[in-house]
PDB file of N, CA and C in Angstrom:
ATOM      1  N   MET A   1      -3.923 -25.368  -4.005  1.00  0.00           N
ATOM      2  CA  MET A   1      -3.269 -24.197  -3.443  1.00  0.00           C
ATOM      3  C   MET A   1      -2.075 -23.844  -4.331  1.00  0.00           C
ATOM      4  N   ILE A   2      -1.810 -22.570  -4.438  1.00  0.00           N
ATOM      5  CA  ILE A   2      -0.661 -22.060  -5.196  1.00  0.00           C
ATOM      6  C   ILE A   2       0.348 -21.474  -4.211  1.00  0.00           C
ATOM      7  N   ARG A   3       1.595 -21.887  -4.325  1.00  0.00           N
ATOM      8  CA  ARG A   3       2.679 -21.287  -3.536  1.00  0.00           C
ATOM      9  C   ARG A   3       3.477 -20.391  -4.470  1.00  0.00           C
ATOM     10  N   HIS A   4       3.517 -19.116  -4.117  1.00  0.00           N
ATOM     11  CA  HIS A   4       4.215 -18.073  -4.883  1.00  0.00           C
ATOM     12  C   HIS A   4       5.549 -17.841  -4.180  1.00  0.00           C
ATOM     13  N   ILE A   5       6.643 -18.135  -4.861  1.00  0.00           N
ATOM     14  CA  ILE A   5       7.985 -18.055  -4.274  1.00  0.00           C
ATOM     15  C   ILE A   5       8.771 -16.970  -4.993  1.00  0.00           C
ATOM     16  N   VAL A   6       9.380 -16.088  -4.219  1.00  0.00           N
ATOM     17  CA  VAL A   6      10.162 -14.985  -4.777  1.00  0.00           C
ATOM     18  C   VAL A   6      11.534 -14.982  -4.119  1.00  0.00           C
ATOM     19  N   LEU A   7      12.585 -14.959  -4.928  1.00  0.00           N
ATOM     20  CA  LEU A   7      13.964 -14.837  -4.448  1.00  0.00           C
ATOM     21  C   LEU A   7      14.507 -13.503  -4.914  1.00  0.00           C
ATOM     22  N   ALA A   8      15.299 -12.853  -4.053  1.00  0.00           N
ATOM     23  CA  ALA A   8      15.742 -11.493  -4.351  1.00  0.00           C
ATOM     24  C   ALA A   8      17.221 -11.296  -4.041  1.00  0.00           C
ATOM     25  N   LYS A   9      17.885 -10.524  -4.936  1.00  0.00           N
ATOM     26  CA  LYS A   9      19.264 -10.062  -4.723  1.00  0.00           C
ATOM     27  C   LYS A   9      19.192  -8.567  -4.436  1.00  0.00           C
ATOM     28  N   PHE A  10      19.226  -8.209  -3.167  1.00  0.00           N
ATOM     29  CA  PHE A  10      19.179  -6.793  -2.813  1.00  0.00           C
ATOM     30  C   PHE A  10      20.540  -6.136  -3.038  1.00  0.00           C
ATOM     31  N   LYS A  11      20.512  -4.870  -3.408  1.00  0.00           N
ATOM     32  CA  LYS A  11      21.740  -4.082  -3.524  1.00  0.00           C
ATOM     33  C   LYS A  11      22.433  -4.065  -2.165  1.00  0.00           C
ATOM     34  N   ALA A  12      23.752  -3.974  -2.176  1.00  0.00           N
ATOM     35  CA  ALA A  12      24.542  -4.011  -0.944  1.00  0.00           C
ATOM     36  C   ALA A  12      24.154  -2.905   0.027  1.00  0.00           C
ATOM     37  N   GLU A  13      23.733  -1.745  -0.493  1.00  0.00           N
ATOM     38  CA  GLU A  13      23.428  -0.614   0.384  1.00  0.00           C
ATOM     39  C   GLU A  13      22.028  -0.667   0.998  1.00  0.00           C
ATOM     40  N   VAL A  14      21.223  -1.629   0.599  1.00  0.00           N
ATOM     41  CA  VAL A  14      19.874  -1.754   1.160  1.00  0.00           C
ATOM     42  C   VAL A  14      19.991  -2.322   2.573  1.00  0.00           C
ATOM     43  N   THR A  15      19.346  -1.656   3.519  1.00  0.00           N
ATOM     44  CA  THR A  15      19.465  -2.045   4.923  1.00  0.00           C
ATOM     45  C   THR A  15      18.453  -3.127   5.301  1.00  0.00           C
ATOM     46  N   LYS A  16      18.757  -3.808   6.391  1.00  0.00           N
ATOM     47  CA  LYS A  16      17.838  -4.807   6.939  1.00  0.00           C
ATOM     48  C   LYS A  16      16.503  -4.162   7.275  1.00  0.00           C
ATOM     49  N   THR A  17      16.535  -2.945   7.790  1.00  0.00           N
ATOM     50  CA  THR A  17      15.301  -2.232   8.130  1.00  0.00           C
ATOM     51  C   THR A  17      14.437  -2.019   6.896  1.00  0.00           C
ATOM     52  N   GLU A  18      15.053  -1.645   5.778  1.00  0.00           N
ATOM     53  CA  GLU A  18      14.297  -1.447   4.535  1.00  0.00           C
ATOM     54  C   GLU A  18      13.662  -2.755   4.055  1.00  0.00           C
ATOM     55  N   ILE A  19      14.425  -3.834   4.129  1.00  0.00           N
ATOM     56  CA  ILE A  19      13.912  -5.135   3.695  1.00  0.00           C
ATOM     57  C   ILE A  19      12.784  -5.587   4.613  1.00  0.00           C
ATOM     58  N   ASP A  20      12.995  -5.480   5.919  1.00  0.00           N
ATOM     59  CA  ASP A  20      11.962  -5.884   6.879  1.00  0.00           C
ATOM     60  C   ASP A  20      10.680  -5.083   6.684  1.00  0.00           C
ATOM     61  N   SER A  21      10.816  -3.798   6.422  1.00  0.00           N
ATOM     62  CA  SER A  21       9.652  -2.942   6.203  1.00  0.00           C
ATOM     63  C   SER A  21       8.886  -3.371   4.954  1.00  0.00           C
ATOM     64  N   LEU A  22       9.603  -3.632   3.883  1.00  0.00           N
ATOM     65  CA  LEU A  22       8.961  -4.069   2.645  1.00  0.00           C
ATOM     66  C   LEU A  22       8.259  -5.409   2.846  1.00  0.00           C
ATOM     67  N   PHE A  23       8.926  -6.346   3.503  1.00  0.00           N
ATOM     68  CA  PHE A  23       8.320  -7.654   3.754  1.00  0.00           C
ATOM     69  C   PHE A  23       7.076  -7.514   4.631  1.00  0.00           C
ATOM     70  N   ALA A  24       7.109  -6.628   5.621  1.00  0.00           N
ATOM     71  CA  ALA A  24       5.937  -6.413   6.485  1.00  0.00           C
ATOM     72  C   ALA A  24       4.759  -5.867   5.681  1.00  0.00           C
ATOM     73  N   LYS A  25       5.036  -4.966   4.759  1.00  0.00           N
ATOM     74  CA  LYS A  25       3.964  -4.415   3.914  1.00  0.00           C
ATOM     75  C   LYS A  25       3.395  -5.491   2.990  1.00  0.00           C
ATOM     76  N   LEU A  26       4.251  -6.343   2.455  1.00  0.00           N
ATOM     77  CA  LEU A  26       3.766  -7.444   1.627  1.00  0.00           C
ATOM     78  C   LEU A  26       2.920  -8.405   2.457  1.00  0.00           C
ATOM     79  N   ALA A  27       3.365  -8.713   3.663  1.00  0.00           N
ATOM     80  CA  ALA A  27       2.610  -9.606   4.545  1.00  0.00           C
ATOM     81  C   ALA A  27       1.242  -9.023   4.877  1.00  0.00           C
ATOM     82  N   ASP A  28       1.162  -7.708   5.025  1.00  0.00           N
ATOM     83  CA  ASP A  28      -0.103  -7.057   5.364  1.00  0.00           C
ATOM     84  C   ASP A  28      -1.151  -7.210   4.263  1.00  0.00           C
ATOM     85  N   LEU A  29      -0.728  -7.497   3.057  1.00  0.00           N
ATOM     86  CA  LEU A  29      -1.684  -7.665   1.961  1.00  0.00           C
ATOM     87  C   LEU A  29      -2.671  -8.796   2.236  1.00  0.00           C
ATOM     88  N   GLN A  30      -2.290  -9.763   3.084  1.00  0.00           N
ATOM     89  CA  GLN A  30      -3.212 -10.855   3.397  1.00  0.00           C
ATOM     90  C   GLN A  30      -4.461 -10.351   4.118  1.00  0.00           C
ATOM     91  N   ASN A  31      -4.387  -9.156   4.699  1.00  0.00           N
ATOM     92  CA  ASN A  31      -5.550  -8.554   5.348  1.00  0.00           C
ATOM     93  C   ASN A  31      -6.472  -7.864   4.352  1.00  0.00           C
ATOM     94  N   HIS A  32      -6.059  -7.799   3.094  1.00  0.00           N
ATOM     95  CA  HIS A  32      -6.814  -7.068   2.078  1.00  0.00           C
ATOM     96  C   HIS A  32      -7.169  -7.908   0.852  1.00  0.00           C
ATOM     97  N   ILE A  33      -6.544  -9.071   0.709  1.00  0.00           N
ATOM     98  CA  ILE A  33      -6.762  -9.898  -0.478  1.00  0.00           C
ATOM     99  C   ILE A  33      -7.319 -11.254  -0.050  1.00  0.00           C
ATOM    100  N   SER A  34      -8.534 -11.517  -0.469  1.00  0.00           N
ATOM    101  CA  SER A  34      -9.182 -12.786  -0.153  1.00  0.00           C
ATOM    102  C   SER A  34      -8.413 -13.939  -0.795  1.00  0.00           C
ATOM    103  N   GLY A  35      -8.208 -15.001  -0.025  1.00  0.00           N
ATOM    104  CA  GLY A  35      -7.524 -16.178  -0.552  1.00  0.00           C
ATOM    105  C   GLY A  35      -6.024 -16.172  -0.381  1.00  0.00           C
ATOM    106  N   MET A  36      -5.469 -15.076   0.140  1.00  0.00           N
ATOM    107  CA  MET A  36      -4.036 -15.023   0.457  1.00  0.00           C
ATOM    108  C   MET A  36      -3.893 -15.571   1.871  1.00  0.00           C
ATOM    109  N   ARG A  37      -3.242 -16.713   2.009  1.00  0.00           N
ATOM    110  CA  ARG A  37      -3.215 -17.431   3.285  1.00  0.00           C
ATOM    111  C   ARG A  37      -2.131 -16.979   4.248  1.00  0.00           C
ATOM    112  N   GLY A  38      -1.048 -16.501   3.755  1.00  0.00           N
ATOM    113  CA  GLY A  38       0.030 -16.144   4.663  1.00  0.00           C
ATOM    114  C   GLY A  38       1.276 -15.733   3.912  1.00  0.00           C
ATOM    115  N   PHE A  39       2.231 -15.237   4.664  1.00  0.00           N
ATOM    116  CA  PHE A  39       3.484 -14.730   4.110  1.00  0.00           C
ATOM    117  C   PHE A  39       4.610 -15.193   5.015  1.00  0.00           C
ATOM    118  N   ASP A  40       5.660 -15.729   4.432  1.00  0.00           N
ATOM    119  CA  ASP A  40       6.887 -16.066   5.154  1.00  0.00           C
ATOM    120  C   ASP A  40       8.051 -15.515   4.356  1.00  0.00           C
ATOM    121  N   GLY A  41       8.949 -14.811   5.023  1.00  0.00           N
ATOM    122  CA  GLY A  41      10.086 -14.248   4.317  1.00  0.00           C
ATOM    123  C   GLY A  41      11.287 -14.093   5.223  1.00  0.00           C
ATOM    124  N   GLY A  42      12.458 -13.968   4.608  1.00  0.00           N
ATOM    125  CA  GLY A  42      13.662 -13.763   5.383  1.00  0.00           C
ATOM    126  C   GLY A  42      14.920 -14.027   4.579  1.00  0.00           C
ATOM    127  N   VAL A  43      15.989 -14.302   5.315  1.00  0.00           N
ATOM    128  CA  VAL A  43      17.322 -14.529   4.751  1.00  0.00           C
ATOM    129  C   VAL A  43      17.567 -16.030   4.635  1.00  0.00           C
ATOM    130  N   SER A  44      18.251 -16.439   3.597  1.00  0.00           N
ATOM    131  CA  SER A  44      18.593 -17.847   3.425  1.00  0.00           C
ATOM    132  C   SER A  44      19.448 -18.330   4.591  1.00  0.00           C
ATOM    133  N   VAL A  45      19.121 -19.513   5.077  1.00  0.00           N
ATOM    134  CA  VAL A  45      19.925 -20.157   6.115  1.00  0.00           C
ATOM    135  C   VAL A  45      20.504 -21.479   5.594  1.00  0.00           C
ATOM    136  N   SER A  46      20.506 -21.647   4.286  1.00  0.00           N
ATOM    137  CA  SER A  46      21.005 -22.877   3.690  1.00  0.00           C
ATOM    138  C   SER A  46      22.509 -23.011   3.912  1.00  0.00           C
ATOM    139  N   PRO A  47      22.964 -24.173   4.374  1.00  0.00           N
ATOM    140  CA  PRO A  47      24.400 -24.389   4.530  1.00  0.00           C
ATOM    141  C   PRO A  47      25.089 -24.737   3.209  1.00  0.00           C
ATOM    142  N   GLU A  48      24.314 -24.916   2.132  1.00  0.00           N
ATOM    143  CA  GLU A  48      24.891 -25.358   0.863  1.00  0.00           C
ATOM    144  C   GLU A  48      25.618 -24.259   0.102  1.00  0.00           C
ATOM    145  N   GLY A  49      25.257 -23.000   0.342  1.00  0.00           N
ATOM    146  CA  GLY A  49      25.920 -21.900  -0.348  1.00  0.00           C
ATOM    147  C   GLY A  49      25.614 -21.824  -1.836  1.00  0.00           C
ATOM    148  N   LEU A  50      24.435 -22.249  -2.231  1.00  0.00           N
ATOM    149  CA  LEU A  50      24.072 -22.277  -3.651  1.00  0.00           C
ATOM    150  C   LEU A  50      23.060 -21.197  -4.025  1.00  0.00           C
ATOM    151  N   GLU A  51      22.961 -20.156  -3.226  1.00  0.00           N
ATOM    152  CA  GLU A  51      21.966 -19.106  -3.458  1.00  0.00           C
ATOM    153  C   GLU A  51      22.241 -18.265  -4.699  1.00  0.00           C
ATOM    154  N   GLN A  52      23.463 -18.279  -5.195  1.00  0.00           N
ATOM    155  CA  GLN A  52      23.861 -17.492  -6.365  1.00  0.00           C
ATOM    156  C   GLN A  52      23.516 -16.013  -6.192  1.00  0.00           C
ATOM    157  N   GLY A  53      23.691 -15.525  -4.967  1.00  0.00           N
ATOM    158  CA  GLY A  53      23.444 -14.116  -4.676  1.00  0.00           C
ATOM    159  C   GLY A  53      22.029 -13.811  -4.230  1.00  0.00           C
ATOM    160  N   PHE A  54      21.126 -14.757  -4.354  1.00  0.00           N
ATOM    161  CA  PHE A  54      19.739 -14.563  -3.919  1.00  0.00           C
ATOM    162  C   PHE A  54      19.655 -14.896  -2.429  1.00  0.00           C
ATOM    163  N   ARG A  55      20.003 -13.922  -1.603  1.00  0.00           N
ATOM    164  CA  ARG A  55      20.115 -14.145  -0.159  1.00  0.00           C
ATOM    165  C   ARG A  55      18.791 -13.994   0.585  1.00  0.00           C
ATOM    166  N   HIS A  56      17.808 -13.352  -0.023  1.00  0.00           N
ATOM    167  CA  HIS A  56      16.507 -13.145   0.616  1.00  0.00           C
ATOM    168  C   HIS A  56      15.410 -13.768  -0.228  1.00  0.00           C
ATOM    169  N   GLY A  57      14.345 -14.123   0.437  1.00  0.00           N
ATOM    170  CA  GLY A  57      13.211 -14.662  -0.295  1.00  0.00           C
ATOM    171  C   GLY A  57      11.950 -14.613   0.532  1.00  0.00           C
ATOM    172  N   PHE A  58      10.839 -14.824  -0.152  1.00  0.00           N
ATOM    173  CA  PHE A  58       9.571 -14.959   0.559  1.00  0.00           C
ATOM    174  C   PHE A  58       8.653 -15.879  -0.225  1.00  0.00           C
ATOM    175  N   SER A  59       7.683 -16.414   0.498  1.00  0.00           N
ATOM    176  CA  SER A  59       6.661 -17.237  -0.141  1.00  0.00           C
ATOM    177  C   SER A  59       5.297 -16.820   0.392  1.00  0.00           C
ATOM    178  N   ILE A  60       4.312 -16.947  -0.486  1.00  0.00           N
ATOM    179  CA  ILE A  60       2.927 -16.648  -0.144  1.00  0.00           C
ATOM    180  C   ILE A  60       2.085 -17.803  -0.650  1.00  0.00           C
ATOM    181  N   ASP A  61       1.190 -18.302   0.197  1.00  0.00           N
ATOM    182  CA  ASP A  61       0.259 -19.337  -0.224  1.00  0.00           C
ATOM    183  C   ASP A  61      -1.087 -18.707  -0.562  1.00  0.00           C
ATOM    184  N   PHE A  62      -1.659 -19.170  -1.660  1.00  0.00           N
ATOM    185  CA  PHE A  62      -2.967 -18.696  -2.120  1.00  0.00           C
ATOM    186  C   PHE A  62      -3.905 -19.889  -2.237  1.00  0.00           C
ATOM    187  N   ASP A  63      -5.181 -19.659  -1.965  1.00  0.00           N
ATOM    188  CA  ASP A  63      -6.174 -20.729  -2.066  1.00  0.00           C
ATOM    189  C   ASP A  63      -6.191 -21.349  -3.454  1.00  0.00           C
ATOM    190  N   ASP A  64      -6.034 -20.513  -4.469  1.00  0.00           N
ATOM    191  CA  ASP A  64      -6.120 -20.988  -5.847  1.00  0.00           C
ATOM    192  C   ASP A  64      -5.509 -19.946  -6.784  1.00  0.00           C
ATOM    193  N   ALA A  65      -5.505 -20.266  -8.062  1.00  0.00           N
ATOM    194  CA  ALA A  65      -4.914 -19.358  -9.049  1.00  0.00           C
ATOM    195  C   ALA A  65      -5.659 -18.032  -9.108  1.00  0.00           C
ATOM    196  N   ALA A  66      -6.971 -18.047  -8.896  1.00  0.00           N
ATOM    197  CA  ALA A  66      -7.743 -16.801  -8.929  1.00  0.00           C
ATOM    198  C   ALA A  66      -7.301 -15.856  -7.814  1.00  0.00           C
ATOM    199  N   ALA A  67      -7.029 -16.392  -6.623  1.00  0.00           N
ATOM    200  CA  ALA A  67      -6.551 -15.557  -5.513  1.00  0.00           C
ATOM    201  C   ALA A  67      -5.162 -15.008  -5.822  1.00  0.00           C
ATOM    202  N   ARG A  68      -4.299 -15.853  -6.389  1.00  0.00           N
ATOM    203  CA  ARG A  68      -2.962 -15.394  -6.786  1.00  0.00           C
ATOM    204  C   ARG A  68      -3.052 -14.288  -7.828  1.00  0.00           C
ATOM    205  N   ASP A  69      -3.945 -14.464  -8.785  1.00  0.00           N
ATOM    206  CA  ASP A  69      -4.106 -13.464  -9.839  1.00  0.00           C
ATOM    207  C   ASP A  69      -4.648 -12.151  -9.285  1.00  0.00           C
ATOM    208  N   ALA A  70      -5.535 -12.233  -8.287  1.00  0.00           N
ATOM    209  CA  ALA A  70      -6.052 -11.017  -7.645  1.00  0.00           C
ATOM    210  C   ALA A  70      -4.917 -10.269  -6.953  1.00  0.00           C
ATOM    211  N   TYR A  71      -4.008 -11.008  -6.318  1.00  0.00           N
ATOM    212  CA  TYR A  71      -2.822 -10.417  -5.687  1.00  0.00           C
ATOM    213  C   TYR A  71      -1.951  -9.727  -6.735  1.00  0.00           C
ATOM    214  N   LEU A  72      -1.712 -10.399  -7.849  1.00  0.00           N
ATOM    215  CA  LEU A  72      -0.850  -9.832  -8.886  1.00  0.00           C
ATOM    216  C   LEU A  72      -1.405  -8.529  -9.443  1.00  0.00           C
ATOM    217  N   GLU A  73      -2.714  -8.405  -9.507  1.00  0.00           N
ATOM    218  CA  GLU A  73      -3.353  -7.208 -10.060  1.00  0.00           C
ATOM    219  C   GLU A  73      -3.672  -6.144  -9.013  1.00  0.00           C
ATOM    220  N   HIS A  74      -3.513  -6.472  -7.740  1.00  0.00           N
ATOM    221  CA  HIS A  74      -3.852  -5.532  -6.669  1.00  0.00           C
ATOM    222  C   HIS A  74      -2.933  -4.307  -6.745  1.00  0.00           C
ATOM    223  N   PRO A  75      -3.499  -3.092  -6.659  1.00  0.00           N
ATOM    224  CA  PRO A  75      -2.672  -1.880  -6.792  1.00  0.00           C
ATOM    225  C   PRO A  75      -1.550  -1.781  -5.757  1.00  0.00           C
ATOM    226  N   GLU A  76      -1.803  -2.238  -4.536  1.00  0.00           N
ATOM    227  CA  GLU A  76      -0.753  -2.170  -3.509  1.00  0.00           C
ATOM    228  C   GLU A  76       0.373  -3.150  -3.831  1.00  0.00           C
ATOM    229  N   HIS A  77       0.037  -4.332  -4.348  1.00  0.00           N
ATOM    230  CA  HIS A  77       1.077  -5.270  -4.766  1.00  0.00           C
ATOM    231  C   HIS A  77       1.935  -4.656  -5.862  1.00  0.00           C
ATOM    232  N   LYS A  78       1.285  -4.022  -6.824  1.00  0.00           N
ATOM    233  CA  LYS A  78       2.038  -3.397  -7.917  1.00  0.00           C
ATOM    234  C   LYS A  78       2.966  -2.302  -7.390  1.00  0.00           C
ATOM    235  N   ALA A  79       2.488  -1.506  -6.439  1.00  0.00           N
ATOM    236  CA  ALA A  79       3.323  -0.446  -5.857  1.00  0.00           C
ATOM    237  C   ALA A  79       4.501  -1.043  -5.091  1.00  0.00           C
ATOM    238  N   LEU A  80       4.230  -2.064  -4.277  1.00  0.00           N
ATOM    239  CA  LEU A  80       5.304  -2.697  -3.508  1.00  0.00           C
ATOM    240  C   LEU A  80       6.274  -3.438  -4.425  1.00  0.00           C
ATOM    241  N   GLY A  81       5.763  -4.035  -5.488  1.00  0.00           N
ATOM    242  CA  GLY A  81       6.631  -4.692  -6.463  1.00  0.00           C
ATOM    243  C   GLY A  81       7.591  -3.708  -7.105  1.00  0.00           C
ATOM    244  N   GLY A  82       7.097  -2.513  -7.402  1.00  0.00           N
ATOM    245  CA  GLY A  82       7.963  -1.471  -7.951  1.00  0.00           C
ATOM    246  C   GLY A  82       9.046  -1.062  -6.972  1.00  0.00           C
ATOM    247  N   GLN A  83       8.671  -0.957  -5.685  1.00  0.00           N
ATOM    248  CA  GLN A  83       9.664  -0.633  -4.653  1.00  0.00           C
ATOM    249  C   GLN A  83      10.707  -1.740  -4.558  1.00  0.00           C
ATOM    250  N   LEU A  84      10.244  -2.986  -4.575  1.00  0.00           N
ATOM    251  CA  LEU A  84      11.157  -4.126  -4.492  1.00  0.00           C
ATOM    252  C   LEU A  84      12.161  -4.097  -5.637  1.00  0.00           C
ATOM    253  N   VAL A  85      11.692  -3.968  -6.849  1.00  0.00           N
ATOM    254  CA  VAL A  85      12.578  -3.962  -8.018  1.00  0.00           C
ATOM    255  C   VAL A  85      13.607  -2.841  -7.910  1.00  0.00           C
ATOM    256  N   GLY A  86      13.220  -1.699  -7.372  1.00  0.00           N
ATOM    257  CA  GLY A  86      14.144  -0.583  -7.205  1.00  0.00           C
ATOM    258  C   GLY A  86      15.260  -0.846  -6.212  1.00  0.00           C
ATOM    259  N   LEU A  87      15.064  -1.817  -5.326  1.00  0.00           N
ATOM    260  CA  LEU A  87      16.067  -2.151  -4.312  1.00  0.00           C
ATOM    261  C   LEU A  87      16.990  -3.297  -4.731  1.00  0.00           C
ATOM    262  N   LEU A  88      16.734  -3.865  -5.898  1.00  0.00           N
ATOM    263  CA  LEU A  88      17.462  -5.062  -6.316  1.00  0.00           C
ATOM    264  C   LEU A  88      18.639  -4.758  -7.229  1.00  0.00           C
ATOM    265  N   GLU A  89      19.659  -5.616  -7.150  1.00  0.00           N
ATOM    266  CA  GLU A  89      20.782  -5.546  -8.084  1.00  0.00           C
ATOM    267  C   GLU A  89      20.249  -5.818  -9.488  1.00  0.00           C
ATOM    268  N   GLY A  90      20.433  -4.879 -10.384  1.00  0.00           N
ATOM    269  CA  GLY A  90      20.007  -5.070 -11.764  1.00  0.00           C
ATOM    270  C   GLY A  90      18.507  -5.000 -11.979  1.00  0.00           C
ATOM    271  N   GLY A  91      17.769  -4.445 -11.020  1.00  0.00           N
ATOM    272  CA  GLY A  91      16.321  -4.353 -11.172  1.00  0.00           C
ATOM    273  C   GLY A  91      15.688  -5.729 -11.239  1.00  0.00           C
ATOM    274  N   VAL A  92      14.844  -5.945 -12.236  1.00  0.00           N
ATOM    275  CA  VAL A  92      14.124  -7.213 -12.344  1.00  0.00           C
ATOM    276  C   VAL A  92      15.070  -8.406 -12.534  1.00  0.00           C
ATOM    277  N   ALA A  93      16.296  -8.175 -12.989  1.00  0.00           N
ATOM    278  CA  ALA A  93      17.276  -9.262 -13.121  1.00  0.00           C
ATOM    279  C   ALA A  93      17.685  -9.810 -11.756  1.00  0.00           C
ATOM    280  N   GLY A  94      17.447  -9.057 -10.695  1.00  0.00           N
ATOM    281  CA  GLY A  94      17.754  -9.500  -9.342  1.00  0.00           C
ATOM    282  C   GLY A  94      16.583 -10.193  -8.673  1.00  0.00           C
ATOM    283  N   LEU A  95      15.716 -10.776  -9.486  1.00  0.00           N
ATOM    284  CA  LEU A  95      14.467 -11.349  -8.986  1.00  0.00           C
ATOM    285  C   LEU A  95      14.193 -12.682  -9.677  1.00  0.00           C
ATOM    286  N   VAL A  96      13.764 -13.664  -8.905  1.00  0.00           N
ATOM    287  CA  VAL A  96      13.264 -14.925  -9.442  1.00  0.00           C
ATOM    288  C   VAL A  96      11.881 -15.143  -8.848  1.00  0.00           C
ATOM    289  N   VAL A  97      10.906 -15.432  -9.696  1.00  0.00           N
ATOM    290  CA  VAL A  97       9.542 -15.719  -9.241  1.00  0.00           C
ATOM    291  C   VAL A  97       9.159 -17.094  -9.760  1.00  0.00           C
ATOM    292  N   PHE A  98       8.617 -17.909  -8.853  1.00  0.00           N
ATOM    293  CA  PHE A  98       8.275 -19.289  -9.201  1.00  0.00           C
ATOM    294  C   PHE A  98       6.993 -19.653  -8.472  1.00  0.00           C
ATOM    295  N   ASP A  99       5.987 -20.075  -9.197  1.00  0.00           N
ATOM    296  CA  ASP A  99       4.726 -20.507  -8.601  1.00  0.00           C
ATOM    297  C   ASP A  99       4.565 -22.005  -8.818  1.00  0.00           C
ATOM    298  N   LEU A 100       4.072 -22.698  -7.791  1.00  0.00           N
ATOM    299  CA  LEU A 100       3.814 -24.114  -7.951  1.00  0.00           C
ATOM    300  C   LEU A 100       2.536 -24.507  -7.232  1.00  0.00           C
ATOM    301  N   VAL A 101       1.944 -25.586  -7.689  1.00  0.00           N
ATOM    302  CA  VAL A 101       0.740 -26.118  -7.064  1.00  0.00           C
ATOM    303  C   VAL A 101       1.174 -27.034  -5.927  1.00  0.00           C
ATOM    304  N   VAL A 102       0.593 -26.829  -4.745  1.00  0.00           N
ATOM    305  CA  VAL A 102       0.878 -27.684  -3.591  1.00  0.00           C
ATOM    306  C   VAL A 102      -0.443 -28.203  -3.035  1.00  0.00           C
ATOM    307  N   ASP A 103      -0.377 -29.353  -2.375  1.00  0.00           N
ATOM    308  CA  ASP A 103      -1.585 -29.936  -1.770  1.00  0.00           C
ATOM    309  C   ASP A 103      -1.885 -29.294  -0.437  1.00  0.00           C
TER     310      ASP A 103
END
């Protein structure tokens, strides 16, 4: 299984409603992409204070790399990714993406 982890620094003027809407649309992709197992997203609740401005994040589990790759190439993912980048501080600089293999 592949866990796709995304951390985001949203611009100060971006509202909770905008973020929730974007996350809901990303979560809905599991209804359209085979092998996408689920979506979890929200605000950091870490007491450590080490987010370095990345206050929001989400993770998606995929059956395998092929399912993850199908998600990356899906037209709706590309459209939502463009919307996400537009809401971030510094565009793509306000984004961290990390994929790892999990059992």
